Amino acid sequence: MANKLTCKHCGYKSGNLYQHLVEAHGGVDGAKAYHDEHGIDAVIHSSLQEKFLGAKMKILETEVSVRAVSEALKTYVPTIEDAYHFQPFAADLLLDLTEDRTVPTMLTGHTGTGKSSLYAQIAARLNQPVLRVNMNNQATISDFVGLWTVKAGETIWVDGALPWCMKNGVWLIIDEIDFAEPAILSVLNSVLERGGMLHLKEKGDEVVRAHKDFRICATANTAGCMSEFRHLYQGTNILNEAFMDRWRVYVVAYMEAAAEAAVLKNTVTGMTDRIAASMVDIANACRKSFVEEDLASSFSTRRLLDWGYLLVRYAGKYRAEAPLKAAEAAIFSKVSKEDKIAIEGIIQRKLKTSRSS
């Protein structure tokens, strides 16, 4: 017991008291608040505070600092998915996001490869708040930067996603940045530079400087080397070379079959190795058909998991028909009539081959 420290918040003893503070008391900030109210001996010895503030944890075999966040920001910290599979390049992305002088990062790849979830799962393990903004056709410059509005008879300024994240040290994840309006991309240019800042001209030219924990993250389907697939993603815009040079870009592919089958089995209770392997085989066949333009929709890991949950639910009742029954809500209802027929054919062929082997 001599090597353990005692949390005077609750009496818990641990050799890693920092992790306990994060998990049980909302981090070092929570301990400080208690300390301010009850006195220096109410939490832990003051000589240990500096040690806790600099504590590191091993994530993806890399020692990184875990952030302590306020109660107000806790709700923006993603939930850890224990079965999540990190692709090999994720360790480099982790370093990009945690180094003091990092560059903005972009993940490009086909839909459903897990680009946004990769950012979220790294953030979850760092106890880092994130805000995701989807650049669909309805996202405006006001949503991004902010606007004046009237509340209770008073005209007030409301920060948009970008200045709010910059001020609070929240990671801003811009999903499908290749759909963004040119006005939004132009605002980003000055922020993307090292030491960049934001000028809010609409608010009297206020200058917003970024919190040390702020990061800009982006995902795209057709940026950089993926531009050859622009015809598969209607409505995307061309991101020119000058804009792309401001980012560090990683290409995200679908998981290897064995890894994705393991995620499926470890996430869905009751899933077997054989069924998981067959389902991943079907998903990869659909993805191949999408790239070859035989299907208008791809097959995400999220869709695969949803199909798996329903398949297990229906397995006892529908037996051999369970895969198609489960696919009705998980797959068929989300695609066109033509894609439904094609995917149903792929499922039947693959299952027939699987049963005969």
Protein backbone atom coordinates (compact mmCIF):
# COMPACT_ATOMS: atom_id res chain seq x y z
CA MET A 1 0.00 0.00 0.00
CA ALA A 2 3.05 2.26 0.44
CA ASN A 3 3.24 3.03 -3.29
CA LYS A 4 -0.43 4.01 -3.54
CA LEU A 5 -1.84 7.52 -3.21
CA THR A 6 -5.08 8.39 -1.45
CA CYS A 7 -7.82 10.55 -2.97
CA LYS A 8 -9.22 12.62 -0.12
CA HIS A 9 -12.25 13.24 -2.29
CA CYS A 10 -13.47 9.70 -1.55
CA GLY A 11 -10.65 7.73 0.07
CA TYR A 12 -9.83 5.70 -3.06
CA LYS A 13 -6.24 4.40 -3.14
CA SER A 14 -4.40 3.93 -6.41
CA GLY A 15 -0.98 4.02 -8.01
CA ASN A 16 -2.56 6.04 -10.86
CA LEU A 17 -4.60 8.61 -8.97
CA TYR A 18 -4.78 10.90 -12.00
CA GLN A 19 -6.86 8.36 -13.94
CA HIS A 20 -9.11 7.99 -10.89
CA LEU A 21 -9.65 11.77 -10.78
CA VAL A 22 -10.62 11.79 -14.47
CA GLU A 23 -13.01 8.86 -14.20
CA ALA A 24 -14.57 9.51 -10.78
CA HIS A 25 -14.40 13.27 -10.28
CA GLY A 26 -14.39 14.81 -13.72
CA GLY A 27 -10.66 15.34 -13.90
CA VAL A 28 -8.17 17.63 -12.22
CA ASP A 29 -10.48 20.62 -12.70
CA GLY A 30 -13.10 18.88 -10.57
CA ALA A 31 -10.52 18.19 -7.88
CA LYS A 32 -9.39 21.81 -7.95
CA ALA A 33 -12.95 23.02 -7.46
CA TYR A 34 -13.27 20.78 -4.41
CA HIS A 35 -9.86 21.97 -3.24
CA ASP A 36 -10.86 25.65 -3.49
CA GLU A 37 -13.99 25.03 -1.44
CA HIS A 38 -12.66 22.75 1.27
CA GLY A 39 -8.98 23.61 1.63
CA ILE A 40 -5.70 22.17 0.46
CA ASP A 41 -5.90 18.90 2.40
CA ALA A 42 -9.41 18.07 1.14
CA VAL A 43 -8.21 16.52 -2.12
CA ILE A 44 -4.59 15.34 -2.16
CA HIS A 45 -1.24 16.67 -1.10
CA SER A 46 -0.45 19.90 -2.96
CA SER A 47 2.98 18.55 -3.92
CA LEU A 48 1.24 16.01 -6.15
CA GLN A 49 -0.84 18.50 -8.16
CA GLU A 50 1.92 19.20 -10.67
CA LYS A 51 2.47 15.48 -11.14
CA PHE A 52 -1.21 14.92 -11.91
CA LEU A 53 -1.37 17.83 -14.34
CA GLY A 54 1.54 16.36 -16.29
CA ALA A 55 0.41 12.75 -16.06
CA LYS A 56 0.43 10.69 -19.22
CA MET A 57 -1.30 7.52 -20.35
CA LYS A 58 -0.37 5.03 -23.04
CA ILE A 59 -2.74 5.18 -26.01
CA LEU A 60 -1.89 3.33 -29.22
CA GLU A 61 1.51 2.58 -27.66
CA THR A 62 2.18 6.31 -27.35
CA GLU A 63 2.53 8.26 -24.10
CA VAL A 64 0.13 11.21 -24.27
CA SER A 65 -1.43 13.61 -21.79
CA VAL A 66 -5.07 13.06 -20.92
CA ARG A 67 -7.04 16.27 -20.72
CA ALA A 68 -9.10 17.33 -17.71
CA VAL A 69 -12.26 19.17 -18.79
CA SER A 70 -14.91 21.24 -17.07
CA GLU A 71 -18.40 19.95 -16.34
CA ALA A 72 -19.77 22.14 -19.14
CA LEU A 73 -17.61 20.39 -21.75
CA LYS A 74 -17.99 16.82 -20.50
CA THR A 75 -21.05 16.26 -22.65
CA TYR A 76 -18.90 16.85 -25.77
CA VAL A 77 -16.44 14.05 -24.93
CA PRO A 78 -17.25 10.95 -27.05
CA THR A 79 -17.92 7.60 -25.41
CA ILE A 80 -15.18 4.98 -25.67
CA GLU A 81 -16.10 1.98 -27.82
CA ASP A 82 -14.08 -0.88 -26.38
CA ALA A 83 -14.31 -3.01 -29.54
CA TYR A 84 -13.13 -0.19 -31.80
CA HIS A 85 -10.33 -1.19 -34.19
CA PHE A 86 -7.59 1.38 -34.86
CA GLN A 87 -5.95 1.12 -38.25
CA PRO A 88 -2.11 1.24 -38.28
CA PHE A 89 -1.79 4.90 -39.28
CA ALA A 90 -3.92 5.97 -36.28
CA ALA A 91 -0.77 6.23 -34.13
CA ASP A 92 0.57 8.93 -36.45
CA LEU A 93 -2.77 10.73 -36.39
CA LEU A 94 -2.70 10.61 -32.58
CA LEU A 95 0.70 12.34 -32.57
CA ASP A 96 -0.55 14.93 -35.05
CA LEU A 97 -3.45 15.75 -32.75
CA THR A 98 -1.46 15.86 -29.51
CA GLU A 99 1.77 17.59 -30.49
CA ASP A 100 1.93 21.26 -29.54
CA ARG A 101 2.58 22.48 -33.07
CA THR A 102 0.42 20.16 -35.06
CA VAL A 103 -0.97 20.79 -38.51
CA PRO A 104 -4.68 20.46 -39.33
CA THR A 105 -5.53 16.89 -40.32
CA MET A 106 -7.90 15.54 -42.94
CA LEU A 107 -9.08 11.97 -43.48
CA THR A 108 -10.18 11.14 -46.99
CA GLY A 109 -11.76 7.92 -48.21
CA HIS A 110 -14.99 6.30 -49.28
CA THR A 111 -18.13 6.71 -47.24
CA GLY A 112 -18.40 4.28 -44.35
CA THR A 113 -14.67 3.75 -43.79
CA GLY A 114 -14.92 5.23 -40.29
CA LYS A 115 -13.24 8.60 -40.79
CA SER A 116 -15.31 10.56 -38.25
CA SER A 117 -15.39 7.71 -35.75
CA LEU A 118 -11.57 7.54 -35.80
CA TYR A 119 -11.34 11.16 -34.63
CA ALA A 120 -14.06 10.51 -32.06
CA GLN A 121 -12.43 7.41 -30.60
CA ILE A 122 -9.03 9.09 -30.28
CA ALA A 123 -10.75 12.02 -28.56
CA ALA A 124 -12.65 9.66 -26.25
CA ARG A 125 -9.42 8.17 -24.97
CA LEU A 126 -7.89 11.63 -24.46
CA ASN A 127 -10.99 12.88 -22.60
CA GLN A 128 -11.12 15.54 -25.33
CA PRO A 129 -14.38 17.37 -26.23
CA VAL A 130 -15.32 17.46 -29.93
CA LEU A 131 -17.98 19.17 -32.02
CA ARG A 132 -18.97 17.68 -35.37
CA VAL A 133 -20.33 19.92 -38.11
CA ASN A 134 -21.61 18.38 -41.34
CA MET A 135 -21.08 20.46 -44.44
CA ASN A 136 -24.33 19.50 -46.13
CA ASN A 137 -26.23 21.83 -48.40
CA GLN A 138 -27.96 23.45 -45.42
CA ALA A 139 -24.80 24.49 -43.52
CA THR A 140 -24.32 28.28 -43.82
CA ILE A 141 -21.55 30.73 -43.04
CA SER A 142 -23.62 31.94 -40.07
CA ASP A 143 -23.73 28.42 -38.62
CA PHE A 144 -19.98 28.29 -38.92
CA VAL A 145 -18.94 31.79 -37.81
CA GLY A 146 -21.90 33.19 -35.85
CA LEU A 147 -24.61 35.82 -36.11
CA TRP A 148 -26.43 38.63 -34.36
CA THR A 149 -29.83 37.67 -33.02
CA VAL A 150 -32.53 39.05 -30.72
CA LYS A 151 -33.14 37.38 -27.36
CA ALA A 152 -35.53 38.74 -24.73
CA GLY A 153 -35.62 42.03 -26.61
CA GLU A 154 -31.83 42.37 -26.62
CA THR A 155 -29.57 42.08 -29.64
CA ILE A 156 -26.77 39.61 -28.87
CA TRP A 157 -24.00 37.87 -30.75
CA VAL A 158 -24.03 34.06 -30.86
CA ASP A 159 -20.74 32.36 -31.75
CA GLY A 160 -20.83 29.81 -34.54
CA ALA A 161 -19.07 26.45 -34.38
CA LEU A 162 -15.61 27.74 -35.31
CA PRO A 163 -15.10 30.55 -32.75
CA TRP A 164 -16.83 28.53 -30.01
CA CYS A 165 -14.44 25.62 -30.51
CA MET A 166 -11.43 27.92 -30.75
CA LYS A 167 -12.29 29.61 -27.43
CA ASN A 168 -13.09 26.41 -25.54
CA GLY A 169 -10.33 24.12 -26.80
CA VAL A 170 -12.80 21.80 -28.50
CA TRP A 171 -11.81 19.80 -31.58
CA LEU A 172 -13.88 20.94 -34.56
CA ILE A 173 -14.58 17.96 -36.84
CA ILE A 174 -15.76 19.21 -40.23
CA ASP A 175 -17.49 16.30 -41.90
CA GLU A 176 -17.61 16.17 -45.70
CA ILE A 177 -15.57 19.33 -46.12
CA ASP A 178 -15.67 18.80 -49.89
CA PHE A 179 -19.37 19.81 -49.70
CA ALA A 180 -18.61 23.12 -47.92
CA GLU A 181 -19.52 26.48 -49.42
CA PRO A 182 -16.59 28.53 -50.76
CA ALA A 183 -17.38 31.24 -48.16
CA ILE A 184 -16.79 28.75 -45.35
CA LEU A 185 -13.54 27.50 -46.87
CA SER A 186 -12.24 31.08 -47.21
CA VAL A 187 -12.88 31.73 -43.50
CA LEU A 188 -10.87 28.62 -42.66
CA ASN A 189 -7.75 29.74 -44.54
CA SER A 190 -6.47 32.15 -41.88
CA VAL A 191 -7.24 29.72 -39.05
CA LEU A 192 -5.41 26.86 -40.76
CA GLU A 193 -2.06 28.64 -40.64
CA ARG A 194 0.25 27.89 -37.71
CA GLY A 195 -0.72 30.31 -34.98
CA GLY A 196 -3.74 31.22 -37.05
CA MET A 197 -6.54 33.42 -35.77
CA LEU A 198 -10.09 34.31 -36.72
CA HIS A 199 -11.27 37.85 -37.46
CA LEU A 200 -14.98 38.25 -36.77
CA LYS A 201 -15.70 41.24 -38.99
CA GLU A 202 -19.40 40.98 -38.22
CA LYS A 203 -18.60 41.49 -34.51
CA GLY A 204 -16.54 44.64 -34.75
CA ASP A 205 -13.51 42.81 -36.15
CA GLU A 206 -13.00 40.83 -32.96
CA VAL A 207 -9.88 38.66 -33.05
CA VAL A 208 -10.27 35.09 -31.78
CA ARG A 209 -7.08 33.25 -30.88
CA ALA A 210 -7.16 29.49 -30.49
CA HIS A 211 -7.07 27.71 -27.13
CA LYS A 212 -4.01 25.42 -26.88
CA ASP A 213 -6.20 22.30 -27.15
CA PHE A 214 -8.15 23.44 -30.21
CA ARG A 215 -7.71 21.38 -33.38
CA ILE A 216 -9.33 21.46 -36.80
CA CYS A 217 -10.11 18.02 -38.18
CA ALA A 218 -11.83 17.26 -41.46
CA THR A 219 -13.20 14.35 -43.45
CA ALA A 220 -13.81 14.15 -47.19
CA ASN A 221 -14.79 11.60 -49.81
CA THR A 222 -13.18 13.18 -52.86
CA ALA A 223 -10.16 15.18 -51.68
CA GLY A 224 -6.64 14.63 -52.98
CA CYS A 225 -6.02 11.18 -54.43
CA MET A 226 -9.73 10.35 -53.98
CA SER A 227 -10.75 13.01 -56.53
CA GLU A 228 -11.07 10.33 -59.22
CA PHE A 229 -14.23 9.17 -57.43
CA ARG A 230 -15.93 12.59 -57.50
CA HIS A 231 -18.56 11.27 -59.91
CA LEU A 232 -19.70 8.83 -57.19
CA TYR A 233 -20.40 11.67 -54.75
CA GLN A 234 -22.62 14.20 -56.47
CA GLY A 235 -22.46 17.75 -55.16
CA THR A 236 -18.86 17.70 -53.95
CA ASN A 237 -16.61 20.66 -54.68
CA ILE A 238 -13.02 20.66 -55.90
CA LEU A 239 -10.56 21.45 -53.10
CA ASN A 240 -7.64 23.17 -54.82
CA GLU A 241 -3.98 22.44 -54.21
CA ALA A 242 -3.37 25.62 -52.21
CA PHE A 243 -6.12 24.66 -49.76
CA MET A 244 -5.00 21.04 -49.55
CA ASP A 245 -1.42 22.09 -48.79
CA ARG A 246 -2.61 23.45 -45.46
CA TRP A 247 -3.60 19.96 -44.28
CA ARG A 248 -1.90 16.69 -43.43
CA VAL A 249 -4.01 14.15 -45.29
CA TYR A 250 -4.44 10.44 -44.56
CA VAL A 251 -6.31 8.03 -46.83
CA VAL A 252 -8.68 5.76 -44.90
CA ALA A 253 -9.53 2.39 -46.42
CA TYR A 254 -12.08 -0.12 -45.21
CA MET A 255 -10.79 -2.37 -42.47
CA GLU A 256 -9.19 -5.66 -43.36
CA ALA A 257 -11.78 -8.42 -43.38
CA ALA A 258 -10.46 -10.24 -40.32
CA ALA A 259 -10.32 -7.05 -38.27
CA GLU A 260 -13.84 -5.99 -39.24
CA ALA A 261 -15.18 -9.46 -38.47
CA ALA A 262 -13.56 -9.24 -35.04
CA VAL A 263 -15.22 -5.87 -34.40
CA LEU A 264 -18.58 -7.33 -35.44
CA LYS A 265 -18.18 -10.37 -33.20
CA ASN A 266 -16.93 -8.37 -30.20
CA THR A 267 -19.67 -5.75 -30.51
CA VAL A 268 -22.75 -7.87 -31.22
CA THR A 269 -23.59 -10.31 -28.45
CA GLY A 270 -24.36 -13.74 -29.87
CA MET A 271 -22.44 -13.22 -33.11
CA THR A 272 -20.31 -16.19 -34.20
CA ASP A 273 -17.00 -16.15 -36.06
CA ARG A 274 -18.49 -17.90 -39.10
CA ILE A 275 -21.46 -15.56 -39.45
CA ALA A 276 -19.30 -12.48 -38.86
CA ALA A 277 -16.89 -13.55 -41.61
CA SER A 278 -19.78 -14.16 -44.03
CA MET A 279 -21.33 -10.76 -43.29
CA VAL A 280 -18.04 -8.95 -43.85
CA ASP A 281 -17.59 -10.84 -47.13
CA ILE A 282 -21.00 -9.59 -48.24
CA ALA A 283 -20.18 -6.01 -47.15
CA ASN A 284 -16.92 -6.05 -49.12
CA ALA A 285 -18.70 -7.39 -52.21
CA CYS A 286 -21.16 -4.47 -51.97
CA ARG A 287 -18.29 -2.00 -51.55
CA LYS A 288 -16.57 -3.39 -54.63
CA SER A 289 -19.80 -3.03 -56.60
CA PHE A 290 -20.09 0.58 -55.42
CA VAL A 291 -16.60 1.46 -56.65
CA GLU A 292 -17.37 -0.29 -59.95
CA GLU A 293 -20.60 1.76 -60.14
CA ASP A 294 -22.89 -1.26 -60.06
CA LEU A 295 -24.36 0.10 -56.80
CA ALA A 296 -25.22 3.69 -55.93
CA SER A 297 -24.58 3.17 -52.21
CA SER A 298 -21.66 1.75 -50.26
CA PHE A 299 -21.67 -0.38 -47.11
CA SER A 300 -20.41 1.21 -43.88
CA THR A 301 -19.24 -0.61 -40.77
CA ARG A 302 -22.11 1.11 -38.97
CA ARG A 303 -24.57 -0.50 -41.38
CA LEU A 304 -22.83 -3.85 -40.93
CA LEU A 305 -23.20 -3.64 -37.13
CA ASP A 306 -26.87 -2.70 -37.37
CA TRP A 307 -27.47 -5.65 -39.68
CA GLY A 308 -25.64 -7.87 -37.20
CA TYR A 309 -27.78 -6.77 -34.25
CA LEU A 310 -30.99 -7.53 -36.15
CA LEU A 311 -29.68 -10.81 -37.55
CA VAL A 312 -28.99 -12.10 -34.03
CA ARG A 313 -32.44 -10.92 -32.93
CA TYR A 314 -34.15 -12.81 -35.76
CA ALA A 315 -31.90 -15.89 -35.78
CA GLY A 316 -34.14 -18.07 -33.59
CA LYS A 317 -37.44 -17.04 -35.17
CA TYR A 318 -36.59 -16.88 -38.87
CA ARG A 319 -33.60 -19.27 -39.01
CA ALA A 320 -32.35 -19.42 -42.61
CA GLU A 321 -34.28 -16.28 -43.56
CA ALA A 322 -32.79 -14.21 -40.73
CA PRO A 323 -30.13 -12.44 -42.88
CA LEU A 324 -32.70 -11.15 -45.38
CA LYS A 325 -35.26 -10.35 -42.69
CA ALA A 326 -32.63 -8.35 -40.77
CA ALA A 327 -31.55 -6.60 -43.97
CA GLU A 328 -35.02 -5.11 -44.50
CA ALA A 329 -34.60 -2.37 -41.88
CA ALA A 330 -30.80 -2.28 -41.73
CA ILE A 331 -30.09 -2.13 -45.48
CA PHE A 332 -32.94 -2.39 -47.99
CA SER A 333 -35.05 0.48 -46.64
CA LYS A 334 -32.08 2.86 -47.00
CA VAL A 335 -31.27 2.26 -50.66
CA SER A 336 -32.97 2.53 -54.04
CA LYS A 337 -35.12 -0.25 -55.44
CA GLU A 338 -32.37 -1.14 -57.93
CA ASP A 339 -29.73 -1.33 -55.19
CA LYS A 340 -32.04 -3.43 -53.02
CA ILE A 341 -32.38 -6.04 -55.76
CA ALA A 342 -28.62 -6.08 -56.37
CA ILE A 343 -27.68 -6.31 -52.68
CA GLU A 344 -30.27 -9.02 -52.07
CA GLY A 345 -28.70 -11.00 -54.90
CA ILE A 346 -25.22 -10.58 -53.39
CA ILE A 347 -26.47 -11.76 -49.98
CA GLN A 348 -28.18 -14.84 -51.41
CA ARG A 349 -25.17 -15.82 -53.55
CA LYS A 350 -22.69 -15.36 -50.73
CA LEU A 351 -24.81 -17.24 -48.20
CA LYS A 352 -25.35 -20.10 -50.62
CA THR A 353 -21.60 -20.35 -51.19
CA SER A 354 -20.93 -20.14 -47.44
CA ARG A 355 -23.41 -22.93 -46.61
CA SER A 356 -22.05 -25.25 -49.29
CA SER A 357 -18.41 -24.81 -48.26
